[in-house]
Protein backbone atom coordinates (compact mmCIF):
# COMPACT_ATOMS: atom_id res chain seq x y z
CA MET A 1 105.14 78.37 109.27
CA ALA A 2 102.10 77.14 107.37
CA ALA A 3 102.79 75.18 104.22
CA PHE A 4 101.26 77.81 102.00
CA ALA A 5 102.73 81.01 103.33
CA ALA A 6 103.31 83.60 100.63
CA VAL A 7 106.74 83.34 99.02
CA ALA A 8 107.44 87.11 98.95
CA LEU A 9 108.35 87.67 102.57
CA ILE A 10 109.45 91.24 101.97
CA ALA A 11 108.23 92.92 98.78
CA THR A 12 111.05 94.27 96.66
CA THR A 13 109.32 97.63 96.26
CA GLY A 14 108.63 98.25 99.93
CA ILE A 15 110.21 98.85 103.29
CA VAL A 16 108.93 97.13 106.40
CA PRO A 17 110.39 99.05 109.35
CA ALA A 18 110.23 97.76 112.87
CA ALA A 19 107.06 99.07 114.46
CA ALA A 20 107.54 102.44 116.12
CA GLN A 21 106.40 102.76 119.70
CA SER A 22 103.26 104.82 120.29
CA GLN A 23 100.77 105.01 123.11
CA THR A 24 100.49 101.24 123.39
CA ASN A 25 102.41 98.33 121.90
CA THR A 26 102.40 94.56 121.81
CA GLY A 27 104.53 92.80 124.34
CA ASP A 28 107.32 90.23 124.12
CA THR A 29 107.68 88.49 120.75
CA SER A 30 110.50 86.16 121.77
CA ALA A 31 108.29 83.16 120.97
CA SER A 32 107.95 84.26 117.37
CA ALA A 33 106.45 81.84 114.88
CA CYS A 34 108.72 83.31 112.19
CA PRO A 35 112.00 84.29 113.91
CA ASP A 36 113.78 85.14 110.64
CA GLN A 37 111.42 88.03 109.87
CA PRO A 38 110.37 91.23 111.70
CA GLU A 39 107.11 89.93 113.11
CA MET A 40 104.08 92.20 112.94
CA SER A 41 103.51 94.32 116.02
CA PHE A 42 100.71 96.72 116.87
CA SER A 43 100.51 100.20 118.34
CA ALA A 44 97.51 102.43 119.01
CA TRP A 45 97.34 106.16 118.41
CA SER A 46 94.55 108.72 118.53
CA SER A 47 94.80 111.90 116.50
CA GLY A 48 92.83 115.12 116.31
CA LEU A 49 95.18 116.72 113.78
CA GLY A 50 92.53 116.83 111.06
CA GLN A 51 89.79 118.33 113.19
CA ARG A 52 90.43 121.94 112.18
CA PHE A 53 89.67 121.10 108.57
CA GLY A 54 86.63 118.95 109.16
CA GLN A 55 88.02 115.43 109.55
CA GLY A 56 87.32 115.04 113.23
CA PRO A 57 89.23 112.79 115.66
CA ARG A 58 90.66 109.51 114.38
CA GLU A 59 91.71 106.33 116.13
CA TYR A 60 94.48 104.27 114.50
CA ILE A 61 96.05 100.86 115.05
CA PHE A 62 99.40 100.67 113.25
CA ALA A 63 100.25 97.13 112.16
CA ASP A 64 103.86 96.85 110.96
CA GLY A 65 105.82 93.75 110.01
CA TYR A 66 105.57 90.20 108.76
CA ILE A 67 102.34 88.19 109.18
CA CYS A 68 103.27 85.01 111.05
CA SER A 69 101.15 81.94 111.63
CA ASP A 70 99.99 83.27 115.01
CA THR A 71 99.72 86.99 114.14
CA ASP A 72 95.92 86.87 114.04
CA LYS A 73 95.87 85.57 117.63
CA LYS A 74 98.24 88.29 118.78
CA PHE A 75 96.07 90.86 117.06
CA GLU A 76 93.01 89.57 118.92
CA ASP A 77 94.93 89.79 122.20
CA PHE A 78 95.94 93.37 121.35
CA LEU A 79 92.31 94.33 120.74
CA LYS A 80 91.26 92.83 124.07
CA GLN A 81 93.94 94.85 125.87
CA ASN A 82 93.29 98.00 123.81
CA PRO A 83 89.62 97.91 122.77
CA PRO A 84 88.80 100.53 120.11
CA LYS A 85 86.56 103.30 121.36
CA THR A 86 84.70 103.55 118.06
CA PRO A 87 83.74 100.98 115.40
CA SER A 88 85.48 103.08 112.76
CA ALA A 89 89.00 102.70 114.19
CA ILE A 90 91.47 102.29 111.33
CA VAL A 91 94.00 99.44 111.09
CA VAL A 92 96.95 100.90 109.16
CA LEU A 93 98.81 98.05 107.45
CA ASN A 94 102.49 98.18 106.48
CA SER A 95 103.60 94.65 105.66
CA GLY A 96 105.53 92.76 103.00
CA GLY A 97 103.32 89.71 103.45
CA GLY A 98 103.55 86.42 105.29
CA ASP A 99 101.37 83.50 106.21
CA LEU A 100 98.44 83.26 103.80
CA MET A 101 95.95 81.62 106.16
CA ALA A 102 96.87 83.86 109.09
CA GLY A 103 96.39 86.87 106.82
CA MET A 104 92.84 85.80 106.05
CA ARG A 105 92.11 84.98 109.68
CA MET A 106 93.28 88.47 110.69
CA GLY A 107 91.06 89.95 107.97
CA ARG A 108 88.07 88.15 109.47
CA VAL A 109 88.91 89.55 112.92
CA ILE A 110 88.99 93.04 111.43
CA ARG A 111 85.60 92.51 109.75
CA LYS A 112 84.03 91.06 112.90
CA GLN A 113 85.16 94.10 114.89
CA LYS A 114 83.84 96.46 112.16
CA LEU A 115 87.24 98.10 111.81
CA TRP A 116 88.48 100.01 108.79
CA THR A 117 91.75 99.35 106.96
CA GLN A 118 94.27 101.59 105.27
CA VAL A 119 97.65 100.99 103.65
CA GLY A 120 100.11 103.30 105.35
CA SER A 121 102.85 103.63 107.92
CA GLU A 122 103.56 105.26 111.25
CA LEU A 123 106.86 106.63 109.93
CA PRO A 124 107.58 108.68 106.75
CA LEU A 125 109.86 106.19 104.98
CA MET A 126 108.04 105.05 101.88
CA ILE A 127 107.47 107.74 99.21
CA PRO A 128 110.72 107.11 97.25
CA GLN A 129 109.76 103.43 96.99
CA ASN A 130 106.42 103.98 95.27
CA GLU A 131 106.19 102.36 91.85
CA ASN A 132 103.71 104.97 90.58
CA ILE A 133 105.97 107.93 91.36
CA ARG A 134 108.94 108.55 89.05
CA PRO A 135 112.25 108.62 90.97
CA ASP A 136 113.23 111.94 89.40
CA SER A 137 110.05 113.56 90.77
CA VAL A 138 110.67 112.57 94.40
CA PRO A 139 112.74 115.70 95.26
CA TYR A 140 109.80 117.85 94.18
CA LEU A 141 107.15 116.12 96.32
CA SER A 142 106.08 117.27 99.75
CA GLU A 143 105.47 114.47 102.24
CA PRO A 144 102.45 114.54 104.58
CA ALA A 145 103.15 116.18 107.94
CA ALA A 146 101.46 113.59 110.14
CA PRO A 147 100.78 109.86 110.09
CA PRO A 148 99.56 107.74 108.50
CA PHE A 149 102.34 108.15 105.96
CA ALA A 150 102.85 106.07 102.83
CA GLY A 151 103.24 102.33 103.35
CA ASN A 152 103.39 98.96 101.65
CA CYS A 153 100.95 96.05 101.67
CA ALA A 154 101.95 92.98 99.67
CA SER A 155 101.19 89.29 99.46
CA ALA A 156 99.17 87.98 102.44
CA CYS A 157 98.75 91.57 103.71
CA THR A 158 96.49 92.32 100.73
CA LEU A 159 94.03 89.71 102.00
CA THR A 160 94.13 91.09 105.55
CA PHE A 161 93.39 94.53 104.11
CA MET A 162 90.14 93.24 102.58
CA GLY A 163 88.71 92.68 106.07
CA GLY A 164 88.11 96.40 106.53
CA VAL A 165 84.53 97.64 106.40
CA ASN A 166 85.93 100.78 104.76
CA ARG A 167 89.19 100.39 102.82
CA THR A 168 91.55 103.10 101.55
CA ILE A 169 95.06 103.25 100.11
CA ASN A 170 97.17 106.10 101.50
CA TYR A 171 99.01 108.58 99.28
CA ALA A 172 102.11 107.04 97.66
CA SER A 173 101.39 103.60 99.11
CA ASN A 174 101.84 100.28 97.26
CA TYR A 175 99.37 97.40 97.17
CA GLY A 176 101.16 94.44 95.60
CA VAL A 177 99.91 90.94 94.74
CA HIS A 178 101.60 87.78 93.49
CA GLN A 179 101.26 84.00 93.50
CA PHE A 180 101.32 81.98 96.67
CA GLU A 181 103.31 78.79 96.54
CA SER A 182 104.23 75.82 98.67
CA ALA A 183 107.26 76.15 100.89
CA ASP A 184 108.37 72.91 99.29
CA GLN A 185 109.15 73.84 95.68
CA THR A 186 109.36 70.20 94.54
CA PRO A 187 106.13 69.62 92.61
CA THR A 188 104.16 66.56 93.70
CA SER A 189 100.52 65.57 93.41
CA GLN A 190 100.14 66.29 97.13
CA THR A 191 101.53 69.84 96.93
CA GLN A 192 99.43 70.51 93.83
CA SER A 193 96.24 69.42 95.55
CA GLU A 194 97.13 71.49 98.63
CA THR A 195 97.76 74.53 96.43
CA GLU A 196 94.39 74.06 94.73
CA ALA A 197 92.71 73.77 98.13
CA ALA A 198 94.39 76.99 99.28
CA ALA A 199 93.26 78.75 96.10
CA ALA A 200 89.67 77.65 96.76
CA LYS A 201 89.88 79.11 100.27
CA VAL A 202 91.13 82.42 98.86
CA VAL A 203 88.26 82.56 96.35
CA ALA A 204 85.75 81.90 99.13
CA TYR A 205 87.38 84.61 101.24
CA LEU A 206 87.16 87.14 98.38
CA SER A 207 83.42 86.46 98.10
CA GLU A 208 83.02 86.82 101.85
CA MET A 209 84.73 90.23 101.79
CA GLY A 210 82.90 91.52 98.72
CA VAL A 211 85.99 91.56 96.48
CA SER A 212 85.92 90.52 92.83
CA PRO A 213 87.25 87.00 92.09
CA ASN A 214 89.27 88.63 89.28
CA TYR A 215 91.79 89.42 92.02
CA MET A 216 93.12 85.92 91.31
CA VAL A 217 93.99 86.97 87.74
CA TYR A 218 96.42 89.58 89.08
CA MET A 219 97.85 87.14 91.63
CA VAL A 220 99.16 84.74 88.99
CA LYS A 221 101.04 87.42 87.01
CA LYS A 222 104.09 87.48 89.30
CA THR A 223 106.00 84.89 91.33
CA GLY A 224 108.76 84.89 93.90
CA ASN A 225 109.74 88.29 95.31
CA ASP A 226 108.19 90.15 92.37
CA VAL A 227 104.74 91.69 92.80
CA THR A 228 102.11 93.46 90.70
CA ASN A 229 101.32 96.82 92.27
CA LEU A 230 97.69 97.51 91.45
CA THR A 231 96.69 100.90 90.10
CA THR A 232 93.87 102.99 91.57
CA ALA A 233 91.63 102.00 88.65
CA GLU A 234 92.33 98.29 89.20
CA LEU A 235 91.70 98.62 92.94
CA GLN A 236 88.32 100.18 92.18
CA GLN A 237 87.37 97.61 89.54
CA LEU A 238 88.13 94.76 91.92
CA ASN A 239 86.20 96.39 94.81
CA ILE A 240 89.34 96.25 96.93
CA VAL A 241 89.00 99.91 97.93
CA THR A 242 85.67 101.39 98.96
CA PRO A 243 84.21 104.80 98.06
CA ARG A 244 84.34 107.61 100.62
CA TRP A 245 80.63 108.20 100.16
CA GLN A 246 77.56 106.64 98.58
CA THR A 247 74.67 108.63 97.11
CA LYS A 248 71.17 107.77 95.90
CA TRP A 249 69.22 110.24 93.74
CA GLN A 250 65.48 110.15 93.13
CA ILE A 251 62.64 112.47 92.19
CA THR A 252 60.10 112.74 95.02
CA PRO A 253 56.82 114.67 95.45
CA LEU A 254 56.84 117.75 97.67
CA ASP A 255 55.08 117.50 101.01
CA ASP A 256 52.34 119.90 99.89
CA GLN A 257 51.88 118.01 96.61
CA SER A 258 52.56 121.22 94.68
CA GLY A 259 55.34 119.71 92.62
CA PHE A 260 58.44 117.56 92.77
CA ALA A 261 61.99 117.69 94.11
CA LEU A 262 65.22 115.99 93.09
CA ASP A 263 66.68 114.55 96.27
CA GLY A 264 70.14 113.10 96.83
CA VAL A 265 70.91 111.27 100.08
CA THR A 266 74.60 110.72 100.82
CA THR A 267 76.13 108.48 103.48
CA ASP A 268 79.76 108.86 104.55
CA ALA A 269 81.92 108.35 107.63
CA TRP A 270 80.25 111.18 109.53
CA GLY A 271 76.57 110.65 108.89
CA ILE A 272 73.76 111.11 106.39
CA HIS A 273 73.67 114.28 104.31
CA ASP A 274 71.15 115.59 101.80
CA ILE A 275 70.92 117.80 98.71
CA ASN A 276 67.37 118.71 97.73
CA PHE A 277 66.79 120.49 94.40
CA THR A 278 63.51 122.33 93.86
CA CYS A 279 62.32 124.80 91.25
CA ILE A 280 62.45 128.54 91.82
CA ALA A 281 59.13 130.15 91.03
CA LYS A 282 59.16 132.40 88.00
CA PRO A 283 60.38 135.92 88.83
CA ASN A 284 58.05 137.63 91.25
CA GLY A 285 60.36 140.18 92.70
CA VAL A 286 62.69 137.75 94.43
CA GLN A 287 65.69 136.96 92.25
CA PRO A 288 68.26 134.16 92.60
CA VAL A 289 71.20 135.05 94.80
CA SER A 290 74.15 135.71 92.48
CA THR A 291 77.69 134.65 93.24
CA THR A 292 80.44 137.11 94.08
CA GLN A 293 82.06 136.52 90.69
CA GLU A 294 78.83 137.16 88.79
CA ASN A 295 78.14 140.40 90.67
CA GLU A 296 81.55 141.75 89.78
CA SER A 297 81.35 140.80 86.09
CA ALA A 298 77.76 141.86 85.56
CA GLY A 299 78.21 145.36 86.96
CA PRO A 300 75.99 147.35 89.35
CA THR A 301 73.24 148.01 86.78
CA ALA A 302 72.89 144.47 85.43
CA LYS A 303 69.49 142.82 85.77
CA ALA A 304 68.93 139.29 86.96
CA PRO A 305 67.74 136.83 84.29
CA GLN A 306 63.99 136.60 83.94
CA THR A 307 63.91 132.82 83.68
CA ALA A 308 63.22 130.33 86.43
CA GLY A 309 66.18 128.71 88.14
CA VAL A 310 66.77 125.94 90.67
CA LYS A 311 67.44 126.12 94.37
CA ALA A 312 69.28 123.48 96.39
CA THR A 313 69.01 122.88 100.12
CA PHE A 314 72.23 121.36 101.49
CA SER A 315 71.95 119.53 104.83
CA LEU A 316 75.22 118.48 106.50
CA ASP A 317 75.47 116.12 109.46
CA PRO A 318 78.54 117.04 111.56
CA GLY A 319 78.47 113.65 113.29
CA VAL A 320 81.05 113.41 116.07
CA ARG A 321 83.02 116.35 114.70
CA ALA A 322 80.86 119.10 116.21
CA LYS A 323 77.30 120.09 117.14
CA ALA A 324 75.37 122.10 114.60
CA PRO A 325 73.98 124.65 117.14
CA ASP A 326 77.55 125.52 118.18
CA LEU A 327 78.53 126.34 114.60
CA VAL A 328 75.50 127.87 112.92
CA SER A 329 76.01 131.50 114.00
CA ASN A 330 79.65 131.42 112.90
CA VAL A 331 79.14 130.15 109.33
CA GLN A 332 80.48 132.96 107.15
CA SER A 333 80.23 131.52 103.63
CA TYR A 334 79.75 128.44 101.47
CA VAL A 335 82.01 127.11 98.72
CA LEU A 336 80.94 124.59 96.09
CA GLN A 337 83.26 121.71 95.25
CA LEU A 338 82.73 120.10 91.86
CA SER A 339 84.50 116.78 91.26
CA GLY A 340 87.23 117.58 93.76
CA VAL A 341 87.85 121.15 92.62
CA PHE A 342 86.72 124.22 94.55
CA VAL A 343 85.12 126.49 91.97
CA PRO A 344 84.59 130.27 92.13
CA LEU A 345 81.00 129.97 93.29
CA VAL A 346 81.30 131.52 96.74
CA PHE A 347 78.06 132.31 98.53
CA SER A 348 77.99 134.71 101.46
CA ALA A 349 76.10 133.61 104.56
CA LYS A 350 74.89 137.21 104.94
CA HIS A 351 72.46 136.64 102.07
CA THR A 352 71.61 133.04 102.94
CA PRO A 353 72.36 132.36 106.62
CA ALA A 354 72.82 128.83 107.83
CA ALA A 355 70.17 127.14 109.94
CA VAL A 356 69.86 124.07 112.13
CA VAL A 357 67.30 121.42 111.26
CA GLY A 358 67.39 118.48 113.62
CA ASP A 359 71.08 117.84 114.17
CA ARG A 360 72.20 119.10 110.75
CA LEU A 361 73.54 122.36 109.36
CA THR A 362 71.48 123.52 106.41
CA THR A 363 71.47 126.28 103.84
CA THR A 364 69.54 126.95 100.64
CA LEU A 365 71.40 128.31 97.62
CA GLN A 366 69.82 129.49 94.39
CA PHE A 367 71.29 128.81 90.95
CA THR A 368 70.63 130.49 87.65
CA PRO A 369 69.90 128.29 84.62
CA GLY A 370 73.46 128.84 83.41
CA GLN A 371 74.88 127.65 86.71
CA VAL A 372 72.63 124.59 86.63
CA GLN A 373 73.99 123.72 83.19
CA THR A 374 77.49 123.87 84.68
CA LEU A 375 76.50 121.55 87.53
CA GLU A 376 75.09 119.03 85.06
CA THR A 377 78.56 118.44 83.59
CA PHE A 378 80.16 117.27 86.84
CA PRO A 379 79.81 113.75 88.29
CA ASN A 380 80.34 114.94 91.87
CA ILE A 381 79.21 117.92 93.93
CA GLY A 382 80.16 119.03 97.42
CA ILE A 383 79.74 121.99 99.72
CA ALA A 384 81.98 123.44 102.40
CA PHE A 385 80.55 125.45 105.29
CA ILE A 386 83.33 127.95 106.04
CA ILE A 387 83.54 128.85 109.73
CA ASN A 388 84.56 132.33 110.88
CA GLN A 389 88.26 132.11 111.67
CA SER A 390 88.00 134.59 114.53
CA ALA A 391 85.46 132.40 116.32
CA ASN A 392 86.76 130.35 119.21
CA LEU A 393 85.99 127.05 117.51
CA PRO A 394 88.19 124.01 116.86
CA MET A 395 87.48 123.89 113.12
CA ARG A 396 87.70 126.13 110.08
CA LEU A 397 85.29 124.26 107.82
CA LEU A 398 82.95 121.32 107.46
CA LYS A 399 82.06 119.75 104.15
CA PHE A 400 80.47 116.77 102.50
CA GLU A 401 80.67 115.43 98.96
CA SER A 402 78.08 113.65 96.88
CA SER A 403 77.81 111.90 93.55
CA LEU A 404 75.67 113.92 91.14
CA ASP A 405 73.38 112.47 88.49
CA GLY A 406 73.78 115.17 85.84
CA THR A 407 71.27 113.56 83.48
CA LEU A 408 68.59 113.45 86.16
CA LEU A 409 69.35 117.05 87.18
CA LYS A 410 69.00 118.16 83.55
CA GLN A 411 65.65 116.39 83.24
CA PHE A 412 64.44 117.92 86.48
CA ALA A 413 65.62 121.44 85.63
CA ALA A 414 63.75 121.25 82.33
CA THR A 415 60.47 120.99 84.26
CA CYS A 416 61.17 124.29 86.02
CA HIS A 417 60.40 126.43 82.96
């Protein structure tokens, strides 16, 4: 084992089960470089379980066990024998740690192959061990019904995780860091210089992977088998996890030069989506489409407001999940999602049918000034295209989410009066 393998071989807050067999698995490990530990093994699994609710098919590589000095080589061999079919295959890590240098080498393999990483497990064994969940609340929690389940990534595993192009922590999973130390605990000038050299390599690796060097501050807080499990906020601040989407907002001139639009372009795992806000002309007989809730509360004789509103064209790219022409005639409604919460703004497709533009599903919804003011208060906005359940289609909905610049929306809406 390398001189600077992480001390915490198995994190005290996690379980590292032997890798479960799936469609494929690594072969004989009798020549293990770390025979006293359950060496990391790999298994591949493809899942379409999330397709009905818009997630599409997923390809996973479960990596369970201790990172030995040759684990990165065995991982490369596994990829050669089981090449991922898509660049977004997800390496699901469940490991208490191991060899520091091998962990970074494996991270570089993951980055070179453009794979994603996730902390999780093939088996549902981890939820009671999560530091952020109170033990007395465990009996009241419902575990996920399909893998990846909760897992543990500690010590050298945390560096391997950074190799992912897209990086997520699964529900109830732990991501724990601590100091690395020499296997020889007798301090000498040689071991000190080697430790400093190893630290320099870690700092260079963090820069290479786009992670904040402040990661090192959290590493030095714990030693031995004790680890610091990072919170979601800390993971975000250190750039260890990546956002599910990225959005850019800007005001652009309309094609006919008659005015301006507020346009938000969002990129996520499935493609490039768009929200385009434009002004509704002052009332000329065509009123904004009201929501179901507003129609019921306003009553049959209520009149639409006589002020200009805003309309938004939502364009969703299904990506590999489906083809827009196969879905468009079966879109029955749209539901807005504001900062992760579905709100009672349900629009019927009978009033505003979906259309296909290029390879994207699109619809244009109109908002009253009061509704626009509500939108301005939320940092995120999303839309779900609800598919007719009676249709013979593999999915019930498709959605995308976007960051929302409320200040810019407010400034733009003010020009619509």
